[in-house]
Amino acid sequence: MEQINSSALENIKSIAKNNKKRLFFTFGLVTLENVLFITYPLFGSFAVNAMMTGNVTLSLTYSFVVLMIWGIGAARRAADTRAFARIYAELAVPVILNQREKGLDKSAITARVALSRQFVDFFEQHLPTLIMSGFSIIGAAIMLLWLEFWSGVTACCILIFFGLMLPKYAKINDLLYLKLNDRLEKEVNVIEQKSHYHLNKHYDWLATLRIRLSNREAAGYLWIGVTSAILFGVTVVRLAMTEGVQAGHIYAVMTYLWTFAMSLDDAPRLMEQFSNLKDIGKRVEV
């Protein structure tokens, strides 16, 4: 397992080192976008209270923040496509040459070139999602501790609970992706050389592995749903028992609850992608 982690990490470091400027600009926009996302409920709470008192100018600050978030998001998405399309174009040729030098057959080379795309996808899709989820989960928990202390404590307990479950969950995912990628590497040979029976067997096994991964992801979502329901329950009871609570305060608290819960929703899918990436790191040098 340590070897797999090390290989994947070295490949990721290599891509980052060779594309510093592209990645710095892209992830600078990602960071700015996430800072605005985690603070916008506060602007929203001020805007709600301003609307309650008829203050139009202060109310409009919320629409300005929304415009900023979507403007930065649009710039980030445009930069993403330009940066990562070029990174993959520069990555594919060295991967092919490296695998040829190792004497691998066409099936394995074809599969590994396709798998190498996952490292680019990591930077383009999964790392921004990880940053966004990390910002949102930690930021929302901190803001809940400030706005509604016991809701924040409950959120922290949920994080500890999932942290304890994580190693076993990741270990099983690693094993499933090892089996899945082993089969994918043989796919070209199976298509070219094998009989109808072997083709059916190959694709049935691929389907079985993907269904097992999907079932684990669904179970993860269910656990997140249960813990989120508990968090919402604790919070609404506290708010209902608090006298004189302002509408803006309720808006901010409920928004941070949803931010926390929706960001946790990304965790099962991210865990799958990291397990896949670790296995690919053992197979492909970029």
Protein backbone atom coordinates (compact mmCIF):
# COMPACT_ATOMS: atom_id res chain seq x y z
CA MET A 1 0.00 0.00 0.00
CA GLU A 2 2.84 2.41 0.82
CA GLN A 3 4.41 1.69 -2.57
CA ILE A 4 1.16 2.47 -4.34
CA ASN A 5 0.73 5.70 -2.41
CA SER A 6 4.34 6.67 -3.14
CA SER A 7 4.03 5.99 -6.89
CA ALA A 8 0.83 7.99 -7.22
CA LEU A 9 2.29 10.83 -5.16
CA GLU A 10 5.47 10.96 -7.26
CA ASN A 11 3.42 11.11 -10.47
CA ILE A 12 1.27 13.92 -9.09
CA LYS A 13 4.38 15.82 -7.94
CA SER A 14 5.94 15.40 -11.38
CA ILE A 15 2.89 16.86 -13.14
CA ALA A 16 2.70 19.73 -10.65
CA LYS A 17 6.43 20.52 -11.00
CA ASN A 18 6.26 20.60 -14.80
CA ASN A 19 3.17 22.83 -14.89
CA LYS A 20 3.69 25.27 -12.03
CA LYS A 21 2.40 28.42 -13.73
CA ARG A 22 -0.71 26.82 -15.22
CA LEU A 23 -1.67 25.16 -11.94
CA PHE A 24 -0.86 28.22 -9.80
CA PHE A 25 -3.22 30.41 -11.83
CA THR A 26 -5.99 27.80 -11.96
CA PHE A 27 -5.89 26.94 -8.27
CA GLY A 28 -5.59 30.60 -7.32
CA LEU A 29 -9.02 31.04 -8.89
CA VAL A 30 -10.26 27.87 -7.13
CA THR A 31 -9.14 29.26 -3.76
CA LEU A 32 -10.73 32.66 -4.35
CA GLU A 33 -13.97 31.02 -5.48
CA ASN A 34 -14.09 28.92 -2.31
CA VAL A 35 -13.37 31.84 0.02
CA LEU A 36 -16.41 33.60 -1.47
CA PHE A 37 -18.54 30.45 -1.21
CA ILE A 38 -17.81 29.99 2.48
CA THR A 39 -18.47 33.65 3.35
CA TYR A 40 -21.55 34.27 1.22
CA PRO A 41 -24.04 33.03 3.89
CA LEU A 42 -22.83 35.86 6.14
CA PHE A 43 -23.51 38.39 3.38
CA GLY A 44 -26.85 36.67 2.91
CA SER A 45 -27.74 37.02 6.59
CA PHE A 46 -26.93 40.76 6.49
CA ALA A 47 -29.03 41.09 3.33
CA VAL A 48 -32.01 39.28 4.89
CA ASN A 49 -31.93 41.52 7.96
CA ALA A 50 -31.56 44.57 5.68
CA MET A 51 -34.62 43.49 3.69
CA MET A 52 -36.57 43.15 6.92
CA THR A 53 -35.75 46.79 7.74
CA GLY A 54 -36.23 48.11 4.18
CA ASN A 55 -32.55 48.91 3.53
CA VAL A 56 -32.32 48.47 -0.26
CA THR A 57 -28.64 49.39 -0.63
CA LEU A 58 -27.40 46.85 1.91
CA SER A 59 -29.75 44.23 0.48
CA LEU A 60 -28.15 44.61 -2.96
CA THR A 61 -24.70 43.66 -1.63
CA TYR A 62 -25.86 40.04 -1.75
CA SER A 63 -26.49 40.16 -5.50
CA PHE A 64 -23.04 41.70 -5.98
CA VAL A 65 -21.43 38.79 -4.07
CA VAL A 66 -23.40 36.30 -6.20
CA LEU A 67 -22.13 38.02 -9.37
CA MET A 68 -18.54 37.84 -8.11
CA ILE A 69 -18.82 34.11 -7.31
CA TRP A 70 -20.18 33.22 -10.75
CA GLY A 71 -17.74 35.53 -12.54
CA ILE A 72 -14.73 33.94 -10.86
CA GLY A 73 -16.24 30.49 -11.46
CA ALA A 74 -16.59 31.22 -15.18
CA ALA A 75 -12.98 32.41 -15.39
CA ARG A 76 -11.79 29.31 -13.55
CA ARG A 77 -13.66 26.95 -15.87
CA ALA A 78 -12.27 28.67 -18.96
CA ALA A 79 -8.73 28.44 -17.56
CA ASP A 80 -9.26 24.76 -16.62
CA THR A 81 -9.93 23.63 -20.18
CA ARG A 82 -6.94 25.45 -21.66
CA ALA A 83 -4.51 24.29 -18.98
CA PHE A 84 -5.47 20.64 -18.65
CA ALA A 85 -5.97 19.92 -22.35
CA ARG A 86 -2.35 20.98 -22.92
CA ILE A 87 -1.08 19.07 -19.88
CA TYR A 88 -2.60 15.81 -21.16
CA ALA A 89 -1.26 16.42 -24.68
CA GLU A 90 2.25 16.76 -23.20
CA LEU A 91 1.74 13.74 -20.92
CA ALA A 92 0.51 11.06 -23.35
CA VAL A 93 3.65 10.71 -25.51
CA PRO A 94 6.14 10.11 -22.63
CA VAL A 95 3.75 7.54 -21.13
CA ILE A 96 3.58 5.61 -24.43
CA LEU A 97 7.36 5.65 -24.88
CA ASN A 98 7.94 4.60 -21.28
CA GLN A 99 5.57 1.64 -21.55
CA ARG A 100 7.14 0.57 -24.87
CA GLU A 101 10.58 0.52 -23.25
CA LYS A 102 9.19 -1.85 -20.63
CA GLY A 103 8.11 -4.25 -23.38
CA LEU A 104 4.40 -4.16 -22.60
CA ASP A 105 1.92 -5.39 -25.19
CA LYS A 106 -0.44 -3.10 -27.13
CA SER A 107 -3.38 -3.88 -24.86
CA ALA A 108 -1.55 -2.81 -21.70
CA ILE A 109 -0.08 0.31 -23.35
CA THR A 110 -3.49 1.41 -24.67
CA ALA A 111 -5.07 0.90 -21.26
CA ARG A 112 -2.28 2.71 -19.41
CA VAL A 113 -2.38 5.73 -21.71
CA ALA A 114 -6.11 5.96 -21.01
CA LEU A 115 -5.48 5.48 -17.29
CA SER A 116 -2.82 8.21 -17.29
CA ARG A 117 -5.60 10.66 -18.15
CA GLN A 118 -6.81 10.09 -14.58
CA PHE A 119 -3.82 12.05 -13.26
CA VAL A 120 -4.86 15.05 -15.35
CA ASP A 121 -8.47 14.55 -14.22
CA PHE A 122 -7.19 14.62 -10.64
CA PHE A 123 -5.95 18.19 -11.10
CA GLU A 124 -8.83 19.30 -13.34
CA GLN A 125 -11.78 17.78 -11.47
CA HIS A 126 -10.99 16.01 -8.24
CA LEU A 127 -8.47 18.36 -6.62
CA PRO A 128 -10.76 21.41 -7.08
CA THR A 129 -13.62 19.35 -5.63
CA LEU A 130 -11.40 18.28 -2.73
CA ILE A 131 -10.37 21.88 -2.07
CA MET A 132 -13.97 23.06 -2.29
CA SER A 133 -15.21 20.26 -0.02
CA GLY A 134 -12.39 20.83 2.47
CA PHE A 135 -13.04 24.58 2.58
CA SER A 136 -16.77 24.03 2.90
CA ILE A 137 -16.70 21.28 5.53
CA ILE A 138 -14.12 22.90 7.81
CA GLY A 139 -15.39 26.42 7.18
CA ALA A 140 -19.02 25.45 7.82
CA ALA A 141 -18.09 23.61 11.03
CA ILE A 142 -16.16 26.65 12.30
CA MET A 143 -18.98 29.03 11.40
CA LEU A 144 -21.51 26.76 13.10
CA LEU A 145 -19.36 26.71 16.24
CA TRP A 146 -19.49 30.50 16.17
CA LEU A 147 -23.17 30.93 15.25
CA GLU A 148 -24.72 27.88 17.00
CA PHE A 149 -22.18 26.22 19.28
CA TRP A 150 -23.90 22.86 19.78
CA SER A 151 -24.55 22.51 16.07
CA GLY A 152 -20.83 23.06 15.51
CA VAL A 153 -19.97 20.44 18.13
CA THR A 154 -22.34 17.96 16.44
CA ALA A 155 -20.70 18.67 13.07
CA CYS A 156 -17.25 18.03 14.57
CA CYS A 157 -18.46 14.73 16.07
CA ILE A 158 -19.72 13.69 12.62
CA LEU A 159 -16.29 14.41 11.13
CA ILE A 160 -14.60 12.31 13.83
CA PHE A 161 -17.04 9.45 13.19
CA PHE A 162 -16.32 9.38 9.45
CA GLY A 163 -12.60 9.80 10.10
CA LEU A 164 -12.62 6.57 12.13
CA MET A 165 -14.49 4.73 9.35
CA LEU A 166 -12.23 6.01 6.59
CA PRO A 167 -9.27 3.54 6.69
CA LYS A 168 -11.42 0.42 6.31
CA TYR A 169 -13.59 2.05 3.63
CA ALA A 170 -10.51 3.08 1.63
CA LYS A 171 -8.87 -0.36 1.95
CA ILE A 172 -11.83 -2.14 0.34
CA ASN A 173 -12.03 0.48 -2.42
CA ASP A 174 -8.32 -0.02 -3.14
CA LEU A 175 -8.85 -3.76 -3.61
CA LEU A 176 -11.83 -3.27 -5.94
CA TYR A 177 -9.93 -0.82 -8.15
CA LEU A 178 -6.95 -3.16 -8.29
CA LYS A 179 -9.23 -5.85 -9.73
CA LEU A 180 -11.03 -3.42 -12.05
CA ASN A 181 -7.88 -1.96 -13.58
CA ASP A 182 -6.35 -5.43 -13.98
CA ARG A 183 -9.32 -6.33 -16.18
CA LEU A 184 -9.20 -3.06 -18.13
CA GLU A 185 -5.55 -3.64 -19.01
CA LYS A 186 -6.52 -6.92 -20.67
CA GLU A 187 -9.52 -5.52 -22.54
CA VAL A 188 -7.91 -5.04 -25.98
CA ASN A 189 -6.54 -8.60 -25.94
CA VAL A 190 -9.91 -9.98 -24.88
CA ILE A 191 -11.65 -8.13 -27.72
CA GLU A 192 -9.10 -9.25 -30.34
CA GLN A 193 -8.49 -12.85 -29.35
CA LYS A 194 -11.18 -14.28 -27.10
CA SER A 195 -14.42 -16.11 -27.80
CA HIS A 196 -17.99 -15.02 -27.21
CA TYR A 197 -17.92 -16.81 -23.85
CA HIS A 198 -14.77 -15.00 -22.68
CA LEU A 199 -16.14 -11.63 -23.83
CA ASN A 200 -19.31 -12.18 -21.81
CA LYS A 201 -17.28 -13.29 -18.82
CA HIS A 202 -14.98 -10.25 -19.09
CA TYR A 203 -17.77 -7.68 -19.28
CA ASP A 204 -19.89 -9.43 -16.64
CA TRP A 205 -16.95 -9.23 -14.24
CA LEU A 206 -16.40 -5.54 -15.06
CA ALA A 207 -20.09 -4.90 -14.41
CA THR A 208 -19.91 -6.77 -11.09
CA LEU A 209 -16.94 -4.72 -9.90
CA ARG A 210 -18.55 -1.42 -10.90
CA ILE A 211 -21.81 -2.39 -9.20
CA ARG A 212 -19.92 -3.22 -5.99
CA LEU A 213 -18.19 0.17 -6.12
CA SER A 214 -21.53 1.88 -6.77
CA ASN A 215 -23.14 0.03 -3.84
CA ARG A 216 -20.37 1.21 -1.53
CA GLU A 217 -20.82 4.78 -2.75
CA ALA A 218 -24.58 4.53 -2.15
CA ALA A 219 -23.99 3.19 1.37
CA GLY A 220 -21.67 6.11 2.03
CA TYR A 221 -24.35 8.56 0.91
CA LEU A 222 -26.86 6.88 3.23
CA TRP A 223 -24.56 7.25 6.24
CA ILE A 224 -24.03 10.90 5.34
CA GLY A 225 -27.79 11.37 5.08
CA VAL A 226 -28.38 9.86 8.54
CA THR A 227 -25.73 12.00 10.23
CA SER A 228 -26.91 15.12 8.37
CA ALA A 229 -30.48 14.51 9.58
CA ILE A 230 -29.16 14.33 13.16
CA LEU A 231 -27.26 17.60 12.66
CA PHE A 232 -30.33 19.35 11.24
CA GLY A 233 -32.46 17.97 14.07
CA VAL A 234 -30.13 19.28 16.78
CA THR A 235 -30.03 22.69 15.09
CA VAL A 236 -33.73 23.25 14.47
CA VAL A 237 -34.52 22.25 18.06
CA ARG A 238 -31.95 24.76 19.35
CA LEU A 239 -33.27 27.50 17.06
CA ALA A 240 -36.90 26.77 18.00
CA MET A 241 -36.02 27.08 21.70
CA THR A 242 -34.11 30.36 21.26
CA GLU A 243 -36.13 33.53 21.83
CA GLY A 244 -35.69 36.59 19.64
CA VAL A 245 -33.63 34.89 16.94
CA GLN A 246 -33.31 37.01 13.79
CA ALA A 247 -34.30 35.83 10.32
CA GLY A 248 -30.79 36.55 9.01
CA HIS A 249 -29.28 34.36 11.72
CA ILE A 250 -31.58 31.46 10.81
CA TYR A 251 -30.70 31.90 7.12
CA ALA A 252 -26.95 31.82 7.82
CA VAL A 253 -27.17 28.78 10.10
CA MET A 254 -29.35 26.76 7.73
CA THR A 255 -27.11 27.65 4.78
CA TYR A 256 -24.01 26.48 6.64
CA LEU A 257 -25.82 23.25 7.55
CA TRP A 258 -26.54 22.61 3.87
CA THR A 259 -22.99 23.57 2.92
CA PHE A 260 -21.63 21.05 5.43
CA ALA A 261 -24.00 18.26 4.34
CA MET A 262 -23.61 18.78 0.58
CA SER A 263 -19.83 18.90 0.86
CA LEU A 264 -19.82 15.63 2.81
CA ASP A 265 -21.79 14.19 -0.12
CA ASP A 266 -18.66 14.53 -2.27
CA ALA A 267 -16.63 12.27 0.05
CA PRO A 268 -17.65 8.79 -1.25
CA ARG A 269 -16.95 9.75 -4.86
CA LEU A 270 -13.63 11.38 -3.94
CA MET A 271 -12.57 8.28 -2.01
CA GLU A 272 -13.27 6.15 -5.09
CA GLN A 273 -11.19 8.45 -7.28
CA PHE A 274 -8.24 8.44 -4.88
CA SER A 275 -8.32 4.64 -4.66
CA ASN A 276 -8.33 4.48 -8.45
CA LEU A 277 -5.47 6.97 -8.64
CA LYS A 278 -3.34 5.02 -6.17
CA ASP A 279 -3.69 1.87 -8.25
CA ILE A 280 -2.93 3.72 -11.49
CA GLY A 281 0.18 5.18 -9.84
CA LYS A 282 1.56 1.66 -9.50
CA ARG A 283 1.05 1.00 -13.22
CA VAL A 284 1.93 4.28 -14.94
CA GLU A 285 4.93 6.59 -14.70
CA VAL A 286 4.27 10.07 -16.05
